[in-house]
């Protein structure tokens, strides 16, 4: 039996006007983004309509993803935006079809 290695993601969401930023983690990135889009995600994303994915990072373990999520949540807002702009300078929404599981944009 072949077992697929579990992967975890840290992701950044924003609203259409790019005025808010949400950072989360998940072991099923596409499913989680679909939940945010259908307003079944976090209360924050529902309240501020933050469901546009701007960046995601891949981690081998849940622990690594949680550590990174917490680290990023403690960053200044400007640092977070600058990090996103490194891989997505125009702050374009990444579509679900563009999300390549097992291959993040960059870290």
Protein backbone atom coordinates (compact mmCIF):
# COMPACT_ATOMS: atom_id res chain seq x y z
CA UNK A 1 0.00 0.00 0.00
CA UNK A 2 1.36 3.40 -0.99
CA UNK A 3 0.78 6.12 1.57
CA UNK A 4 0.82 9.73 0.45
CA UNK A 5 2.92 11.96 2.64
CA UNK A 6 0.82 14.56 4.46
CA UNK A 7 1.69 18.17 3.68
CA UNK A 8 0.69 21.37 5.42
CA UNK A 9 0.30 24.88 4.12
CA UNK A 10 0.42 28.39 5.52
CA UNK A 11 -1.65 30.73 3.38
CA UNK A 12 -2.45 34.42 3.09
CA UNK A 13 -5.93 35.70 2.22
CA UNK A 14 -7.15 39.22 1.57
CA UNK A 15 -10.30 40.98 0.41
CA UNK A 16 -10.77 42.42 -3.07
CA UNK A 17 -9.56 45.89 -1.98
CA UNK A 18 -6.47 44.42 -0.26
CA UNK A 19 -7.27 46.25 2.99
CA UNK A 20 -7.16 43.22 5.30
CA UNK A 21 -4.89 40.22 5.60
CA UNK A 22 -5.63 36.80 7.08
CA UNK A 23 -3.04 34.09 7.72
CA UNK A 24 -4.01 30.48 8.32
CA UNK A 25 -2.72 26.93 7.98
CA UNK A 26 -4.25 23.76 6.64
CA UNK A 27 -3.45 20.21 5.63
CA UNK A 28 -5.92 20.48 2.75
CA UNK A 29 -5.28 23.84 1.13
CA UNK A 30 -7.80 23.70 -1.71
CA UNK A 31 -10.57 22.43 0.57
CA UNK A 32 -9.83 25.13 3.13
CA UNK A 33 -9.81 27.90 0.52
CA UNK A 34 -13.14 26.61 -0.83
CA UNK A 35 -14.51 26.82 2.73
CA UNK A 36 -13.41 30.45 2.99
CA UNK A 37 -14.92 31.27 -0.40
CA UNK A 38 -18.25 29.68 0.60
CA UNK A 39 -18.11 31.61 3.90
CA UNK A 40 -17.64 28.47 6.00
CA UNK A 41 -14.12 29.45 7.05
CA UNK A 42 -12.97 31.61 9.93
CA UNK A 43 -15.25 34.35 11.28
CA UNK A 44 -12.64 36.98 10.36
CA UNK A 45 -12.62 35.98 6.70
CA UNK A 46 -16.41 35.94 6.63
CA UNK A 47 -16.70 39.36 8.28
CA UNK A 48 -14.12 41.03 6.02
CA UNK A 49 -14.76 39.02 2.83
CA UNK A 50 -11.15 37.85 2.83
CA UNK A 51 -11.11 34.88 0.48
CA UNK A 52 -8.58 35.86 -2.20
CA UNK A 53 -5.44 33.74 -1.78
CA UNK A 54 -2.29 35.76 -2.40
CA UNK A 55 0.45 33.41 -1.21
CA UNK A 56 0.96 29.97 0.27
CA UNK A 57 3.91 28.08 1.70
CA UNK A 58 4.42 24.32 1.99
CA UNK A 59 5.61 22.52 5.15
CA UNK A 60 6.39 18.88 5.85
CA UNK A 61 4.79 18.80 9.30
CA UNK A 62 1.82 20.33 11.05
CA UNK A 63 4.14 21.64 13.74
CA UNK A 64 6.28 23.53 11.23
CA UNK A 65 3.20 25.10 9.66
CA UNK A 66 1.81 26.19 13.04
CA UNK A 67 5.15 27.70 14.07
CA UNK A 68 5.33 29.64 10.79
CA UNK A 69 1.71 30.78 11.04
CA UNK A 70 2.30 32.10 14.55
CA UNK A 71 5.57 33.73 13.51
CA UNK A 72 3.86 35.54 10.62
CA UNK A 73 0.93 36.64 12.75
CA UNK A 74 3.43 38.46 14.99
CA UNK A 75 5.03 40.33 12.09
CA UNK A 76 4.24 43.95 11.33
CA UNK A 77 1.60 44.36 8.63
CA UNK A 78 4.10 45.96 6.23
CA UNK A 79 6.46 42.96 6.57
CA UNK A 80 3.61 40.59 5.67
CA UNK A 81 2.69 42.59 2.57
CA UNK A 82 6.35 42.76 1.51
CA UNK A 83 6.65 38.98 1.86
CA UNK A 84 3.58 38.46 -0.32
CA UNK A 85 4.91 40.89 -2.92
CA UNK A 86 8.15 38.90 -3.23
CA UNK A 87 6.26 36.14 -5.05
CA UNK A 88 3.15 38.08 -6.11
CA UNK A 89 4.17 41.72 -6.78
CA UNK A 90 0.82 42.68 -8.31
CA UNK A 91 -1.16 41.07 -5.47
CA UNK A 92 -3.18 39.02 -7.94
CA UNK A 93 -5.56 36.40 -6.61
CA UNK A 94 -4.24 32.88 -7.06
CA UNK A 95 -7.04 30.72 -8.47
CA UNK A 96 -7.74 27.25 -7.11
CA UNK A 97 -6.58 25.85 -10.45
CA UNK A 98 -3.21 27.64 -10.06
CA UNK A 99 -2.57 26.12 -6.67
CA UNK A 100 0.00 23.42 -7.16
CA UNK A 101 -0.05 21.14 -4.15
CA UNK A 102 3.44 19.93 -3.24
CA UNK A 103 4.93 22.96 -4.98
CA UNK A 104 4.49 26.38 -3.32
CA UNK A 105 5.24 29.64 -5.08
CA UNK A 106 8.35 30.04 -2.93
CA UNK A 107 9.44 30.40 0.68
